C-alpha atoms as a PDB file:
ATOM      1  CA  UNK A   1      69.370-106.388  92.936  1.00  0.00           C
ATOM      2  CA  UNK A   2      66.241-105.524  94.879  1.00  0.00           C
ATOM      3  CA  UNK A   3      66.733-104.013  98.319  1.00  0.00           C
ATOM      4  CA  UNK A   4      64.784-105.661 101.125  1.00  0.00           C
ATOM      5  CA  UNK A   5      63.501-103.593 104.006  1.00  0.00           C
ATOM      6  CA  UNK A   6      62.214-105.522 107.030  1.00  0.00           C
ATOM      7  CA  UNK A   7      59.258-103.798 108.688  1.00  0.00           C
ATOM      8  CA  UNK A   8      59.462-105.540 112.046  1.00  0.00           C
ATOM      9  CA  UNK A   9      62.201-105.575 114.663  1.00  0.00           C
ATOM     10  CA  UNK A  10      61.311-108.948 116.194  1.00  0.00           C
ATOM     11  CA  UNK A  11      62.868-111.188 113.558  1.00  0.00           C
ATOM     12  CA  UNK A  12      61.745-114.751 112.938  1.00  0.00           C
ATOM     13  CA  UNK A  13      65.302-116.124 113.292  1.00  0.00           C
ATOM     14  CA  UNK A  14      65.990-114.093 116.410  1.00  0.00           C
ATOM     15  CA  UNK A  15      68.220-116.631 118.197  1.00  0.00           C
ATOM     16  CA  UNK A  16      71.391-118.182 116.843  1.00  0.00           C
ATOM     17  CA  UNK A  17      70.643-121.491 115.035  1.00  0.00           C
ATOM     18  CA  UNK A  18      72.985-123.552 117.259  1.00  0.00           C
ATOM     19  CA  UNK A  19      71.863-121.891 120.493  1.00  0.00           C
ATOM     20  CA  UNK A  20      69.566-123.827 122.794  1.00  0.00           C
ATOM     21  CA  UNK A  21      67.473-121.308 124.660  1.00  0.00           C
ATOM     22  CA  UNK A  22      64.945-122.288 127.320  1.00  0.00           C
ATOM     23  CA  UNK A  23      61.544-120.981 126.294  1.00  0.00           C
ATOM     24  CA  UNK A  24      60.486-118.391 128.859  1.00  0.00           C
ATOM     25  CA  UNK A  25      56.952-119.083 130.008  1.00  0.00           C
ATOM     26  CA  UNK A  26      56.783-121.979 127.559  1.00  0.00           C
ATOM     27  CA  UNK A  27      57.166-119.682 124.532  1.00  0.00           C
ATOM     28  CA  UNK A  28      60.099-119.450 122.087  1.00  0.00           C
ATOM     29  CA  UNK A  29      61.628-115.958 121.871  1.00  0.00           C
ATOM     30  CA  UNK A  30      60.052-115.323 118.443  1.00  0.00           C
ATOM     31  CA  UNK A  31      56.484-116.217 119.507  1.00  0.00           C
ATOM     32  CA  UNK A  32      53.986-113.349 119.293  1.00  0.00           C
ATOM     33  CA  UNK A  33      52.454-114.451 122.642  1.00  0.00           C
ATOM     34  CA  UNK A  34      49.083-113.009 121.672  1.00  0.00           C
ATOM     35  CA  UNK A  35      45.817-114.269 120.139  1.00  0.00           C
ATOM     36  CA  UNK A  36      47.788-115.987 117.326  1.00  0.00           C
ATOM     37  CA  UNK A  37      49.584-118.308 119.752  1.00  0.00           C
ATOM     38  CA  UNK A  38      47.356-121.196 120.793  1.00  0.00           C
ATOM     39  CA  UNK A  39      50.072-123.368 122.361  1.00  0.00           C
ATOM     40  CA  UNK A  40      49.314-122.391 125.953  1.00  0.00           C
ATOM     41  CA  UNK A  41      45.568-122.954 125.970  1.00  0.00           C
ATOM     42  CA  UNK A  42      44.633-125.495 123.265  1.00  0.00           C
ATOM     43  CA  UNK A  43      45.787-129.114 123.178  1.00  0.00           C
ATOM     44  CA  UNK A  44      47.738-129.458 119.958  1.00  0.00           C
ATOM     45  CA  UNK A  45      47.988-125.658 119.656  1.00  0.00           C
ATOM     46  CA  UNK A  46      50.909-123.894 118.076  1.00  0.00           C
ATOM     47  CA  UNK A  47      53.300-121.032 118.668  1.00  0.00           C
ATOM     48  CA  UNK A  48      53.005-118.346 115.971  1.00  0.00           C
ATOM     49  CA  UNK A  49      55.348-115.457 115.255  1.00  0.00           C
ATOM     50  CA  UNK A  50      54.353-111.946 114.372  1.00  0.00           C
ATOM     51  CA  UNK A  51      54.434-111.813 110.548  1.00  0.00           C
ATOM     52  CA  UNK A  52      57.668-110.339 109.258  1.00  0.00           C
ATOM     53  CA  UNK A  53      57.034-108.099 106.248  1.00  0.00           C
ATOM     54  CA  UNK A  54      59.700-107.035 103.788  1.00  0.00           C
ATOM     55  CA  UNK A  55      58.893-104.304 101.290  1.00  0.00           C
ATOM     56  CA  UNK A  56      60.676-104.601  97.941  1.00  0.00           C
ATOM     57  CA  UNK A  57      60.467-102.705  94.690  1.00  0.00           C
ATOM     58  CA  UNK A  58      58.305-105.584  93.399  1.00  0.00           C
ATOM     59  CA  UNK A  59      55.889-105.943  96.310  1.00  0.00           C
ATOM     60  CA  UNK A  60      55.844-107.424  99.803  1.00  0.00           C
ATOM     61  CA  UNK A  61      57.244-110.681 101.214  1.00  0.00           C
ATOM     62  CA  UNK A  62      55.598-111.973 104.395  1.00  0.00           C
ATOM     63  CA  UNK A  63      56.959-114.764 106.584  1.00  0.00           C
ATOM     64  CA  UNK A  64      55.262-116.294 109.631  1.00  0.00           C
ATOM     65  CA  UNK A  65      56.918-118.968 111.766  1.00  0.00           C
ATOM     66  CA  UNK A  66      54.996-121.778 113.495  1.00  0.00           C
ATOM     67  CA  UNK A  67      55.866-124.539 115.964  1.00  0.00           C
ATOM     68  CA  UNK A  68      53.831-127.296 117.594  1.00  0.00           C
ATOM     69  CA  UNK A  69      54.485-130.714 119.126  1.00  0.00           C
ATOM     70  CA  UNK A  70      55.302-132.175 115.681  1.00  0.00           C
ATOM     71  CA  UNK A  71      57.936-129.562 114.786  1.00  0.00           C
ATOM     72  CA  UNK A  72      58.345-126.170 113.205  1.00  0.00           C
ATOM     73  CA  UNK A  73      57.687-124.606 109.812  1.00  0.00           C
ATOM     74  CA  UNK A  74      57.528-121.263 108.066  1.00  0.00           C
ATOM     75  CA  UNK A  75      54.801-119.880 105.818  1.00  0.00           C
ATOM     76  CA  UNK A  76      56.114-117.501 103.147  1.00  0.00           C
ATOM     77  CA  UNK A  77      53.732-115.357 101.101  1.00  0.00           C
ATOM     78  CA  UNK A  78      54.262-112.731  98.451  1.00  0.00           C
ATOM     79  CA  UNK A  79      52.071-109.896  97.278  1.00  0.00           C
ATOM     80  CA  UNK A  80      53.124-108.509  93.908  1.00  0.00           C
ATOM     81  CA  UNK A  81      51.520-107.050  90.817  1.00  0.00           C
ATOM     82  CA  UNK A  82      51.414-109.134  87.661  1.00  0.00           C
ATOM     83  CA  UNK A  83      51.435-108.046  84.044  1.00  0.00           C
ATOM     84  CA  UNK A  84      47.941-107.061  82.821  1.00  0.00           C
ATOM     85  CA  UNK A  85      48.202-109.445  79.857  1.00  0.00           C
ATOM     86  CA  UNK A  86      47.037-112.933  80.905  1.00  0.00           C
ATOM     87  CA  UNK A  87      49.670-115.023  79.055  1.00  0.00           C
ATOM     88  CA  UNK A  88      52.473-112.934  80.542  1.00  0.00           C
ATOM     89  CA  UNK A  89      50.911-112.984  84.027  1.00  0.00           C
ATOM     90  CA  UNK A  90      50.603-116.787  83.835  1.00  0.00           C
ATOM     91  CA  UNK A  91      54.251-117.079  82.765  1.00  0.00           C
ATOM     92  CA  UNK A  92      55.293-114.799  85.632  1.00  0.00           C
ATOM     93  CA  UNK A  93      53.393-116.985  88.128  1.00  0.00           C
ATOM     94  CA  UNK A  94      54.966-120.182  86.840  1.00  0.00           C
ATOM     95  CA  UNK A  95      58.423-118.653  86.820  1.00  0.00           C
ATOM     96  CA  UNK A  96      58.027-117.390  90.396  1.00  0.00           C
ATOM     97  CA  UNK A  97      56.943-120.861  91.538  1.00  0.00           C
ATOM     98  CA  UNK A  98      59.858-122.549  89.709  1.00  0.00           C
ATOM     99  CA  UNK A  99      62.447-120.114  91.082  1.00  0.00           C
ATOM    100  CA  UNK A 100      60.991-120.389  94.595  1.00  0.00           C
ATOM    101  CA  UNK A 101      61.233-124.186  94.393  1.00  0.00           C
ATOM    102  CA  UNK A 102      64.859-123.928  93.251  1.00  0.00           C
ATOM    103  CA  UNK A 103      65.769-121.615  96.130  1.00  0.00           C
ATOM    104  CA  UNK A 104      63.961-123.798  98.707  1.00  0.00           C
ATOM    105  CA  UNK A 105      65.696-126.900  97.358  1.00  0.00           C
ATOM    106  CA  UNK A 106      69.078-125.210  97.585  1.00  0.00           C
ATOM    107  CA  UNK A 107      68.534-123.928 101.138  1.00  0.00           C
ATOM    108  CA  UNK A 108      66.658-126.922 102.595  1.00  0.00           C
ATOM    109  CA  UNK A 109      68.128-129.977 100.841  1.00  0.00           C
ATOM    110  CA  UNK A 110      69.296-132.772 103.175  1.00  0.00           C
ATOM    111  CA  UNK A 111      72.874-132.364 104.321  1.00  0.00           C
ATOM    112  CA  UNK A 112      72.892-128.614 103.621  1.00  0.00           C
ATOM    113  CA  UNK A 113      74.391-126.465 106.375  1.00  0.00           C
ATOM    114  CA  UNK A 114      71.379-124.138 106.756  1.00  0.00           C
ATOM    115  CA  UNK A 115      73.151-122.033 109.379  1.00  0.00           C
ATOM    116  CA  UNK A 116      74.902-120.169 106.578  1.00  0.00           C
ATOM    117  CA  UNK A 117      72.320-120.378 103.778  1.00  0.00           C
END
């Protein structure tokens, strides 16, 4: 099992999922409130979190949370080295995509209690 080490202290899921918190100054608690957040000064702008980076033995996982008038979403990126041999690297990419899809489906499928995922 790979250990995950978060590099930020302001976590994306900072508030309890069931908790309704008024957004101070119009910003959710996780919003970076800097140049990334355009919600306060652009029509149709969006709140953006500070990227949360997790170092692993295989590379880095980066998650950034967003929210606008249409709802919220998360962008998840990974930076990892691939095998130097092209056929193996291609297989690694496809496997990572397939496993990621499986995990997302399991966590986000309709009717799933995501508070305990």
